[in-house]
Amino acid sequence: MPAIALVPVGKSLVEGFHTGGVNIIVKFLLAAFQPSINRLVIESSFNSLKTTISIAIIAWAISLLNGIFLGVITSNIFTELFKVNLFWSKILKYSLTVPRAIHEVIWGLLLLQVFGLNPYIAIISISIPYSALIARVFAEQINSLDIRSLVASKHSGAGPFETLVTALTPKIIPIIGTYGGYRLECALRGATLLGIFGLGGIGTELTLSIRSLEFNEMWTSLWMLGIILFFLEKVITWIQTPSLYLNNIFNYTITASISILILLVVSILWLNSLDLGISRSLVFYPIQLPSIQELIYSFNKLSWASLISQTICLTLFAAGIAIGLPPILLSLWPSKLGEEVISFLWIVCRLIPAPLSALILLMCSSPSIAVASLALGIQNMGVMGRILKESINNKDLAIFNAIKSLGADKRSAFFYGRICPQSNSYLAYSAYRTDVILRETVLVGVVGGSGLGWQLRESISSFNWSEVILLTATFGIITLTGELLSDHLQYYLLKEIKPKQPLLHLKLHS
């Protein structure tokens, strides 16, 4: 059913299609197999990649530290053990919903106006929402622990701090390794996106290459980024191995801490060697905050119904493409070769940032919500496909073999025997992914010339701070509403699979 979004999107694309840019798109696709091997291009891409990796690692480390601390102090167990006033605990918990509701690109664009161009801007832009996101996940994990054992330990004479550390360390350290690893991958993608919007790194390199139609150079940067992401994915899978931490949690913790420290030092040295001004302090450029009258004027001026409806349509169309296509593609080619080819396609979809996909599509189509939806949907389809394939491969083939033995053809047996049993968990993750897509509409809204993302970019570029404040607040409210709805839907879909289990696995690929 979600794939029905392809009908209106396809219709709009056909209506706006023109042949002028088809040869450019063909050139772009062929360049993937002929990346530039020019020494200067490789050197430039490598230095840009070092910038992106360094920014991602520093921002990730800050987010991890802040997120763990905030997650602990906003958990119900912390409130119970330390007898914290429930009112202040709730205030802190709900105040964290604001930073996580706003995408890192929005934070980057806003901070860029206040502090100017500086590597710290990208680091801070990633750290703000990621700290709040990590805090939420860790608070959920801590709240899932049995509080009775902690209270009993406290009553036996142990202090609240000792009780908390003793109870949480064995359970939280593996989560830090797993979720923290996935957050590093997200930080790397986030740093790339910030580069596309002018904050340096491999994203800026990609943007310059695509604007000059130097696709061979662009693919050099993309494949280098892809190698790093592939390597990082393998490392994340390895650190999830239970044997690493089950019987030696102390050594696991020490090794992880030293590794993070080494990565931080290397990242700082890299940024310093690239002469990006990391030793230069931030300079504050004050902005004039709008008056109440200006806020009221801007509120009445903006077409709220149109902007919000366009944003929701963009979200639903992109989500429909991302959710609906993976099961269809796997069912059409149910074989080992088919899985490998489709998996490679999903890797490429994840590799190309949505704003760049949108620019490519614009070469043979008019700006529209359909173009923005397709660009955003394609990238997220790569994520959804990976999730579905992993879920299918982790289940036994009993149902598939039973259906096939009854005489069903391979496609039908694959669909009903392997895909359908994963429907609840897949749809639960789809609900979460839709929430992520809603946040990401700001990345491609400018392509469609519509929605809150487009209007926000326009307002920032014209320094209309009254509109910026109102649009940011509205975007935050919508994303928080979407988050609440997706959480309820996830628990409803998963309650028969793993009742009362925290939804950590749904957040691992965010």
Protein backbone atom coordinates (compact mmCIF):
# COMPACT_ATOMS: atom_id res chain seq x y z
CA MET A 1 0.00 0.00 0.00
CA PRO A 2 2.66 2.65 0.80
CA ALA A 3 4.07 2.25 -2.72
CA ILE A 4 0.87 3.83 -4.06
CA ALA A 5 2.69 7.13 -3.43
CA LEU A 6 4.56 6.39 -6.66
CA VAL A 7 1.37 7.08 -8.64
CA PRO A 8 0.98 10.83 -7.89
CA VAL A 9 4.76 11.30 -7.74
CA GLY A 10 5.25 9.55 -11.08
CA LYS A 11 2.38 11.50 -12.68
CA SER A 12 3.89 14.80 -11.57
CA LEU A 13 7.36 13.80 -12.79
CA VAL A 14 6.03 12.80 -16.21
CA GLU A 15 4.17 16.11 -16.54
CA GLY A 16 7.28 18.11 -15.64
CA PHE A 17 9.72 15.94 -17.60
CA HIS A 18 11.94 17.42 -20.32
CA THR A 19 14.64 15.70 -22.36
CA GLY A 20 17.21 18.47 -22.05
CA GLY A 21 18.99 16.93 -19.09
CA VAL A 22 18.70 13.21 -19.89
CA ASN A 23 22.20 13.09 -21.35
CA ILE A 24 23.55 14.72 -18.18
CA ILE A 25 21.89 12.08 -15.99
CA VAL A 26 23.33 9.32 -18.20
CA LYS A 27 26.74 10.95 -17.83
CA PHE A 28 26.25 11.03 -14.05
CA LEU A 29 25.38 7.31 -13.91
CA LEU A 30 28.27 6.26 -16.16
CA ALA A 31 30.71 8.34 -14.11
CA ALA A 32 30.06 6.00 -11.17
CA PHE A 33 32.14 3.37 -13.00
CA GLN A 34 34.81 5.88 -14.06
CA PRO A 35 35.69 7.99 -11.01
CA SER A 36 38.53 10.44 -11.45
CA ILE A 37 41.95 9.11 -10.46
CA ASN A 38 43.68 12.46 -10.86
CA ARG A 39 46.14 12.93 -8.00
CA LEU A 40 44.93 16.46 -7.19
CA VAL A 41 41.29 15.34 -7.13
CA ILE A 42 42.06 12.40 -4.84
CA GLU A 43 44.14 14.61 -2.54
CA SER A 44 41.40 17.26 -2.36
CA SER A 45 38.71 14.64 -1.69
CA PHE A 46 40.85 12.98 0.98
CA ASN A 47 41.46 16.27 2.82
CA SER A 48 37.74 17.10 2.65
CA LEU A 49 36.91 13.64 3.95
CA LYS A 50 39.34 14.13 6.84
CA THR A 51 37.48 17.34 7.71
CA THR A 52 34.10 15.59 7.66
CA ILE A 53 35.33 12.62 9.70
CA SER A 54 36.98 14.89 12.27
CA ILE A 55 33.86 17.03 12.69
CA ALA A 56 31.69 13.91 12.98
CA ILE A 57 33.91 12.24 15.60
CA ILE A 58 34.25 15.35 17.79
CA ALA A 59 30.51 16.09 17.60
CA TRP A 60 29.68 12.43 18.27
CA ALA A 61 31.93 12.23 21.33
CA ILE A 62 30.40 15.40 22.79
CA SER A 63 26.89 14.10 22.05
CA LEU A 64 27.63 10.73 23.61
CA LEU A 65 28.96 12.29 26.81
CA ASN A 66 26.08 14.77 27.08
CA GLY A 67 23.49 12.17 26.09
CA ILE A 68 24.56 9.62 28.69
CA PHE A 69 24.56 12.24 31.45
CA LEU A 70 21.20 13.72 30.44
CA GLY A 71 19.70 10.27 29.88
CA VAL A 72 20.64 9.19 33.40
CA ILE A 73 19.36 12.31 35.19
CA THR A 74 16.07 12.34 33.25
CA SER A 75 15.34 8.66 33.93
CA ASN A 76 12.66 7.57 36.39
CA ILE A 77 15.20 5.46 38.29
CA PHE A 78 17.45 8.46 38.94
CA THR A 79 14.46 10.47 40.17
CA GLU A 80 13.46 7.64 42.52
CA LEU A 81 16.93 6.93 43.92
CA PHE A 82 17.95 10.55 44.50
CA LYS A 83 14.46 11.76 45.49
CA VAL A 84 14.52 14.47 42.83
CA ASN A 85 11.47 16.72 42.66
CA LEU A 86 9.27 15.20 39.95
CA PHE A 87 8.35 18.65 38.62
CA TRP A 88 11.96 19.60 37.83
CA SER A 89 12.65 16.17 36.39
CA LYS A 90 9.73 16.55 33.98
CA ILE A 91 10.81 20.09 33.05
CA LEU A 92 14.29 18.87 32.11
CA LYS A 93 12.94 15.84 30.26
CA TYR A 94 10.48 17.84 28.15
CA SER A 95 12.98 20.64 27.51
CA LEU A 96 15.09 18.11 25.61
CA THR A 97 12.30 17.62 23.08
CA VAL A 98 13.03 21.04 21.56
CA PRO A 99 16.66 20.47 20.43
CA ARG A 100 15.98 16.97 19.09
CA ALA A 101 12.95 18.14 17.10
CA ILE A 102 15.10 20.47 14.99
CA HIS A 103 17.34 18.93 12.31
CA GLU A 104 21.09 19.54 12.52
CA VAL A 105 21.00 21.39 9.20
CA ILE A 106 18.56 23.94 10.65
CA TRP A 107 20.83 24.36 13.66
CA GLY A 108 23.75 24.83 11.27
CA LEU A 109 22.00 27.48 9.19
CA LEU A 110 20.90 29.38 12.30
CA LEU A 111 24.29 29.25 14.03
CA LEU A 112 26.02 30.26 10.80
CA GLN A 113 24.18 33.59 10.93
CA VAL A 114 25.12 34.16 14.57
CA PHE A 115 28.77 33.02 14.65
CA GLY A 116 29.88 33.04 11.02
CA LEU A 117 31.75 30.28 9.20
CA ASN A 118 33.77 28.13 11.62
CA PRO A 119 34.37 24.37 12.07
CA TYR A 120 32.85 24.67 15.53
CA ILE A 121 29.48 25.51 13.95
CA ALA A 122 29.21 22.08 12.32
CA ILE A 123 30.31 20.38 15.55
CA ILE A 124 27.77 22.28 17.67
CA SER A 125 25.00 21.80 15.08
CA ILE A 126 25.36 18.02 15.28
CA SER A 127 25.94 17.92 19.04
CA ILE A 128 22.74 19.76 20.00
CA PRO A 129 20.11 17.40 18.51
CA TYR A 130 22.22 14.26 18.92
CA SER A 131 22.74 14.88 22.65
CA ALA A 132 18.97 15.06 23.11
CA LEU A 133 18.35 11.99 20.92
CA ILE A 134 20.92 9.89 22.80
CA ALA A 135 19.51 11.11 26.13
CA ARG A 136 16.03 9.95 25.12
CA VAL A 137 17.22 6.48 24.13
CA PHE A 138 19.31 5.99 27.27
CA ALA A 139 16.50 7.19 29.51
CA GLU A 140 14.19 4.61 27.86
CA GLN A 141 16.75 1.85 28.40
CA ILE A 142 17.31 2.80 32.05
CA ASN A 143 13.56 3.00 32.68
CA SER A 144 13.20 -0.56 31.37
CA LEU A 145 15.35 -1.89 34.25
CA ASP A 146 13.70 -3.50 37.29
CA ILE A 147 13.69 -0.70 39.87
CA ARG A 148 12.89 -3.11 42.74
CA SER A 149 16.41 -4.57 42.73
CA LEU A 150 17.88 -1.08 42.86
CA VAL A 151 15.66 -0.03 45.76
CA ALA A 152 16.56 -3.25 47.62
CA SER A 153 20.27 -2.54 47.08
CA LYS A 154 19.81 0.97 48.44
CA HIS A 155 17.98 -0.32 51.52
CA SER A 156 20.84 -2.73 52.20
CA GLY A 157 23.06 0.25 52.99
CA ALA A 158 24.49 1.27 49.62
CA GLY A 159 24.34 4.94 48.70
CA PRO A 160 22.21 6.08 45.73
CA PHE A 161 25.27 6.85 43.59
CA GLU A 162 26.90 3.47 44.26
CA THR A 163 23.58 1.72 43.63
CA LEU A 164 23.11 3.52 40.32
CA VAL A 165 26.63 2.83 39.05
CA THR A 166 26.58 -0.83 40.11
CA ALA A 167 23.19 -1.51 38.53
CA LEU A 168 23.57 0.49 35.33
CA THR A 169 27.15 -0.16 34.22
CA PRO A 170 26.75 -3.83 33.11
CA LYS A 171 23.54 -3.05 31.22
CA ILE A 172 24.31 0.37 29.78
CA ILE A 173 27.86 -0.20 28.48
CA PRO A 174 26.72 -2.63 25.71
CA ILE A 175 24.03 -0.12 24.69
CA ILE A 176 26.67 2.61 24.49
CA GLY A 177 28.70 0.38 22.19
CA THR A 178 25.75 -0.47 19.97
CA TYR A 179 23.71 2.72 19.81
CA GLY A 180 26.78 4.91 20.13
CA GLY A 181 28.30 3.20 17.10
CA TYR A 182 25.22 3.80 14.99
CA ARG A 183 25.15 7.43 16.13
CA LEU A 184 28.71 7.83 14.83
CA GLU A 185 27.52 6.67 11.41
CA CYS A 186 24.66 9.18 11.61
CA ALA A 187 27.08 11.94 12.66
CA LEU A 188 29.24 11.21 9.61
CA ARG A 189 26.21 11.54 7.34
CA GLY A 190 25.12 14.68 9.21
CA ALA A 191 28.56 16.27 8.77
CA THR A 192 28.34 15.48 5.04
CA LEU A 193 24.95 17.20 4.82
CA LEU A 194 26.23 20.27 6.64
CA GLY A 195 29.02 20.46 4.08
CA ILE A 196 26.46 20.49 1.28
CA PHE A 197 24.89 23.52 2.93
CA GLY A 198 28.22 25.37 3.05
CA LEU A 199 29.93 24.24 6.26
CA GLY A 200 32.92 22.54 4.65
CA GLY A 201 34.13 18.98 4.27
CA ILE A 202 33.25 16.31 1.73
CA GLY A 203 29.74 17.75 1.33
CA THR A 204 31.13 21.01 -0.04
CA GLU A 205 33.39 19.02 -2.37
CA LEU A 206 30.37 17.08 -3.70
CA THR A 207 28.35 20.26 -4.22
CA LEU A 208 31.13 22.01 -6.16
CA SER A 209 31.65 18.94 -8.35
CA ILE A 210 27.99 18.53 -9.21
CA ARG A 211 27.49 22.23 -9.96
CA SER A 212 30.40 22.17 -12.38
CA LEU A 213 29.08 18.87 -13.83
CA GLU A 214 32.36 17.13 -12.97
CA PHE A 215 30.66 13.85 -12.15
CA ASN A 216 33.85 11.79 -12.28
CA GLU A 217 35.30 13.94 -9.50
CA MET A 218 32.03 13.72 -7.60
CA TRP A 219 32.07 9.93 -7.69
CA THR A 220 35.67 9.90 -6.48
CA SER A 221 34.48 11.68 -3.34
CA LEU A 222 31.37 9.49 -3.06
CA TRP A 223 33.24 6.20 -3.33
CA MET A 224 35.80 7.37 -0.76
CA LEU A 225 32.94 8.26 1.58
CA GLY A 226 31.31 4.92 0.81
CA ILE A 227 34.47 3.01 1.79
CA ILE A 228 34.56 4.80 5.14
CA LEU A 229 30.86 4.10 5.77
CA PHE A 230 31.28 0.44 4.80
CA PHE A 231 34.25 0.05 7.14
CA LEU A 232 32.37 1.82 9.94
CA GLU A 233 29.35 -0.45 9.44
CA LYS A 234 31.55 -3.53 9.80
CA VAL A 235 33.14 -2.16 12.98
CA ILE A 236 29.69 -1.42 14.45
CA THR A 237 28.58 -4.98 13.68
CA TRP A 238 31.73 -6.32 15.34
CA ILE A 239 31.35 -4.32 18.57
CA GLN A 240 27.83 -5.74 18.95
CA THR A 241 29.32 -9.23 19.44
CA PRO A 242 28.17 -10.33 22.94
CA SER A 243 31.40 -12.22 23.63
CA LEU A 244 33.27 -8.91 23.69
CA TYR A 245 31.50 -7.62 26.78
CA LEU A 246 29.58 -10.42 28.52
CA ASN A 247 32.41 -11.67 30.73
CA ASN A 248 34.80 -8.71 30.66
CA ILE A 249 32.71 -5.55 30.86
CA PHE A 250 35.55 -3.65 32.59
CA ASN A 251 38.07 -4.33 29.81
CA TYR A 252 35.42 -3.52 27.21
CA THR A 253 34.76 -0.15 28.88
CA ILE A 254 38.44 0.75 29.20
CA THR A 255 39.19 -0.24 25.60
CA ALA A 256 36.22 1.74 24.29
CA SER A 257 37.18 4.82 26.33
CA ILE A 258 40.80 4.73 25.12
CA SER A 259 39.64 4.24 21.52
CA ILE A 260 37.32 7.25 21.71
CA LEU A 261 40.10 9.36 23.25
CA ILE A 262 42.52 8.38 20.47
CA LEU A 263 39.90 9.21 17.81
CA LEU A 264 39.33 12.61 19.42
CA VAL A 265 43.04 13.46 19.49
CA VAL A 266 43.53 12.37 15.87
CA SER A 267 40.46 14.38 14.78
CA ILE A 268 41.69 17.55 16.48
CA LEU A 269 45.16 17.12 14.96
CA TRP A 270 43.61 16.58 11.52
CA LEU A 271 41.53 19.74 11.73
CA ASN A 272 44.54 21.68 12.96
CA SER A 273 46.76 20.35 10.15
CA LEU A 274 44.19 21.40 7.54
CA ASP A 275 44.39 25.00 8.83
CA LEU A 276 40.63 25.37 9.25
CA GLY A 277 40.88 27.82 12.12
CA ILE A 278 40.02 25.38 14.89
CA SER A 279 42.26 27.37 17.26
CA ARG A 280 40.28 30.50 16.46
CA SER A 281 37.58 31.32 18.99
CA LEU A 282 33.97 31.85 18.01
CA VAL A 283 32.94 35.43 17.29
CA PHE A 284 29.40 36.36 18.21
CA TYR A 285 27.52 38.51 15.70
CA PRO A 286 24.46 39.73 17.58
CA ILE A 287 21.13 39.74 15.81
CA GLN A 288 18.22 41.98 16.57
CA LEU A 289 15.42 39.92 18.04
CA PRO A 290 11.99 40.73 16.60
CA SER A 291 9.35 42.57 18.55
CA ILE A 292 5.93 41.17 19.40
CA GLN A 293 4.41 43.30 16.64
CA GLU A 294 6.85 41.85 14.08
CA LEU A 295 6.03 38.32 15.19
CA ILE A 296 2.30 38.99 14.84
CA TYR A 297 2.83 40.54 11.40
CA SER A 298 4.88 37.57 10.20
CA PHE A 299 2.36 35.12 11.64
CA ASN A 300 -0.44 36.75 9.67
CA LYS A 301 1.70 37.07 6.54
CA LEU A 302 2.76 33.42 6.18
CA SER A 303 0.43 30.90 4.51
CA TRP A 304 0.46 28.37 7.32
CA ALA A 305 -2.15 25.97 5.93
CA SER A 306 -0.30 25.70 2.63
CA LEU A 307 3.18 25.37 4.16
CA ILE A 308 2.16 22.71 6.67
CA SER A 309 0.09 20.69 4.18
CA GLN A 310 2.95 20.74 1.65
CA THR A 311 5.40 19.54 4.30
CA ILE A 312 3.07 16.70 5.32
CA CYS A 313 2.49 15.71 1.67
CA LEU A 314 6.23 15.68 1.05
CA THR A 315 6.71 13.48 4.12
CA LEU A 316 3.98 11.01 3.17
CA PHE A 317 5.08 10.70 -0.46
CA ALA A 318 8.73 10.18 0.49
CA ALA A 319 7.79 7.71 3.23
CA GLY A 320 5.54 5.79 0.82
CA ILE A 321 8.40 5.39 -1.65
CA ALA A 322 10.91 4.44 1.05
CA ILE A 323 8.62 1.92 2.74
CA GLY A 324 6.84 0.42 -0.26
CA LEU A 325 9.66 -0.23 -2.73
CA PRO A 326 11.98 -2.59 -0.76
CA PRO A 327 9.42 -5.46 -0.40
CA ILE A 328 8.43 -5.07 -4.05
CA LEU A 329 12.02 -5.15 -5.32
CA LEU A 330 12.93 -8.20 -3.23
CA SER A 331 9.77 -10.04 -4.36
CA LEU A 332 10.45 -9.34 -8.04
CA TRP A 333 13.91 -10.96 -7.93
CA PRO A 334 13.86 -13.60 -5.15
CA SER A 335 17.31 -15.11 -5.58
CA LYS A 336 20.82 -14.76 -4.15
CA LEU A 337 21.98 -12.81 -7.19
CA GLY A 338 18.90 -10.60 -7.01
CA GLU A 339 19.50 -9.87 -3.33
CA GLU A 340 23.12 -8.91 -3.99
CA VAL A 341 22.24 -6.61 -6.91
CA ILE A 342 19.42 -4.95 -4.97
CA SER A 343 21.63 -4.61 -1.88
CA PHE A 344 24.24 -2.80 -3.99
CA LEU A 345 21.48 -0.50 -5.28
CA TRP A 346 20.50 0.29 -1.69
CA ILE A 347 24.11 1.08 -0.80
CA VAL A 348 24.25 3.61 -3.64
CA CYS A 349 20.90 5.09 -2.55
CA ARG A 350 22.20 5.56 1.00
CA LEU A 351 25.47 6.97 -0.28
CA ILE A 352 24.07 9.89 -2.30
CA PRO A 353 22.67 12.64 -0.04
CA ALA A 354 19.07 13.61 -0.80
CA PRO A 355 19.89 17.26 -1.75
CA LEU A 356 22.31 16.04 -4.43
CA SER A 357 19.80 13.47 -5.74
CA ALA A 358 17.29 16.29 -6.01
CA LEU A 359 19.73 18.43 -8.03
CA ILE A 360 20.33 15.52 -10.42
CA LEU A 361 16.58 14.96 -10.89
CA LEU A 362 16.05 18.67 -11.57
CA MET A 363 18.15 18.38 -14.70
CA CYS A 364 15.27 16.68 -16.49
CA SER A 365 12.27 17.79 -14.45
CA SER A 366 10.67 20.98 -13.19
CA PRO A 367 10.92 21.85 -9.48
CA SER A 368 8.05 20.21 -7.60
CA ILE A 369 7.11 18.33 -4.45
CA ALA A 370 7.38 15.14 -6.53
CA VAL A 371 11.10 15.73 -7.21
CA ALA A 372 11.77 16.45 -3.54
CA SER A 373 9.72 13.39 -2.49
CA LEU A 374 11.54 11.07 -4.87
CA ALA A 375 14.98 12.31 -3.79
CA LEU A 376 14.17 11.91 -0.11
CA GLY A 377 12.35 8.63 -0.68
CA ILE A 378 15.23 7.07 -2.63
CA GLN A 379 17.77 7.76 0.10
CA ASN A 380 15.52 6.41 2.84
CA MET A 381 14.62 3.41 0.67
CA GLY A 382 18.27 2.40 0.99
CA VAL A 383 17.91 2.40 4.78
CA MET A 384 14.56 0.58 4.76
CA GLY A 385 15.87 -2.02 2.32
CA ARG A 386 18.85 -2.73 4.54
CA ILE A 387 16.57 -3.16 7.57
CA LEU A 388 14.20 -5.50 5.72
CA LYS A 389 17.01 -7.62 4.29
CA GLU A 390 18.66 -8.01 7.72
CA SER A 391 15.32 -9.01 9.27
CA ILE A 392 14.63 -11.57 6.55
CA ASN A 393 18.10 -13.11 6.74
CA ASN A 394 17.89 -13.47 10.52
CA LYS A 395 14.75 -15.65 10.35
CA ASP A 396 14.52 -19.34 9.49
CA LEU A 397 13.08 -20.60 6.21
CA ALA A 398 10.42 -22.90 7.68
CA ILE A 399 7.40 -20.92 6.46
CA PHE A 400 9.03 -20.23 3.08
CA ASN A 401 9.82 -23.92 2.53
CA ALA A 402 6.33 -24.98 3.64
CA ILE A 403 4.63 -22.61 1.18
CA LYS A 404 7.00 -23.61 -1.60
CA SER A 405 6.35 -27.32 -0.97
CA LEU A 406 2.64 -26.70 -1.56
CA GLY A 407 3.41 -25.77 -5.17
CA ALA A 408 3.61 -21.98 -4.93
CA ASP A 409 6.00 -20.23 -7.30
CA LYS A 410 9.20 -18.75 -5.89
CA ARG A 411 7.98 -15.13 -5.89
CA SER A 412 4.78 -15.96 -4.00
CA ALA A 413 6.63 -18.20 -1.56
CA PHE A 414 9.22 -15.48 -0.94
CA PHE A 415 6.59 -12.79 -0.38
CA TYR A 416 4.28 -14.81 1.90
CA GLY A 417 6.97 -16.94 3.55
CA ARG A 418 9.77 -14.43 4.16
CA ILE A 419 8.45 -10.88 3.83
CA CYS A 420 4.99 -11.17 5.40
CA PRO A 421 6.24 -12.62 8.73
CA GLN A 422 8.34 -9.44 9.11
CA SER A 423 5.42 -7.10 8.43
CA ASN A 424 4.82 -5.95 12.02
CA SER A 425 8.45 -5.20 12.85
CA TYR A 426 9.02 -3.64 9.41
CA LEU A 427 5.98 -1.38 9.73
CA ALA A 428 7.03 -0.45 13.26
CA TYR A 429 10.39 0.71 11.99
CA SER A 430 8.59 2.41 9.10
CA ALA A 431 6.66 4.50 11.61
CA TYR A 432 9.92 5.62 13.17
CA ARG A 433 11.49 6.25 9.75
CA THR A 434 8.55 8.44 8.75
CA ASP A 435 9.32 10.59 11.77
CA VAL A 436 12.95 10.86 10.56
CA ILE A 437 11.79 11.73 7.03
CA LEU A 438 9.62 14.51 8.42
CA ARG A 439 12.72 16.06 10.01
CA GLU A 440 14.63 15.67 6.74
CA THR A 441 12.06 17.51 4.61
CA VAL A 442 14.04 20.66 5.36
CA LEU A 443 16.87 19.22 3.22
CA VAL A 444 14.86 19.02 -0.01
CA GLY A 445 12.01 21.47 0.57
CA VAL A 446 13.93 24.11 -1.37
CA VAL A 447 13.81 21.87 -4.48
CA GLY A 448 10.04 21.78 -4.46
CA GLY A 449 9.83 25.49 -3.74
CA SER A 450 7.33 24.69 -1.03
CA GLY A 451 6.89 23.56 2.55
CA LEU A 452 8.29 24.77 5.82
CA GLY A 453 11.85 23.82 4.88
CA TRP A 454 11.85 25.99 1.78
CA GLN A 455 10.26 28.95 3.57
CA LEU A 456 12.73 28.62 6.44
CA ARG A 457 15.69 28.76 4.05
CA GLU A 458 14.20 31.84 2.39
CA SER A 459 13.58 33.56 5.72
CA ILE A 460 17.12 32.85 6.97
CA SER A 461 18.71 34.15 3.77
CA SER A 462 16.67 37.38 4.04
CA PHE A 463 17.44 37.74 7.79
CA ASN A 464 13.74 37.81 8.63
CA TRP A 465 14.13 36.62 12.21
CA SER A 466 10.48 36.89 13.13
CA GLU A 467 9.63 34.37 10.38
CA VAL A 468 12.62 32.20 11.34
CA ILE A 469 11.44 31.96 14.96
CA LEU A 470 7.86 31.14 13.99
CA LEU A 471 8.83 28.60 11.31
CA THR A 472 11.36 26.86 13.56
CA ALA A 473 8.82 26.61 16.37
CA THR A 474 6.16 25.26 13.98
CA PHE A 475 8.57 22.72 12.51
CA GLY A 476 9.49 21.59 16.02
CA ILE A 477 5.84 21.17 17.02
CA ILE A 478 5.07 19.14 13.90
CA THR A 479 8.08 16.85 14.32
CA LEU A 480 7.30 16.28 18.00
CA THR A 481 3.71 15.42 17.09
CA GLY A 482 5.02 12.99 14.48
CA GLU A 483 7.40 11.49 17.04
CA LEU A 484 4.55 10.94 19.50
CA LEU A 485 2.35 9.28 16.86
CA SER A 486 5.18 7.07 15.60
CA ASP A 487 6.01 5.93 19.14
CA HIS A 488 2.41 4.89 19.78
CA LEU A 489 2.25 3.05 16.46
CA GLN A 490 5.56 1.27 17.12
CA TYR A 491 4.45 -0.05 20.50
CA TYR A 492 1.11 -1.14 19.04
CA LEU A 493 2.77 -3.07 16.20
CA LEU A 494 5.44 -4.65 18.38
CA LYS A 495 3.44 -5.50 21.50
CA GLU A 496 2.80 -9.05 20.28
CA ILE A 497 6.41 -9.57 19.24
CA LYS A 498 8.36 -8.29 22.25
CA PRO A 499 6.01 -6.94 24.87
CA LYS A 500 7.30 -4.21 27.15
CA GLN A 501 10.70 -4.07 25.45
CA PRO A 502 12.28 -0.69 24.74
CA LEU A 503 12.50 0.12 21.06
CA LEU A 504 16.25 0.46 20.85
CA HIS A 505 16.50 -1.55 17.65
CA LEU A 506 14.18 0.93 15.95
CA LYS A 507 16.58 3.77 16.61
CA LEU A 508 19.76 2.06 15.51
CA HIS A 509 19.46 3.03 11.86
CA SER A 510 18.16 6.58 12.35
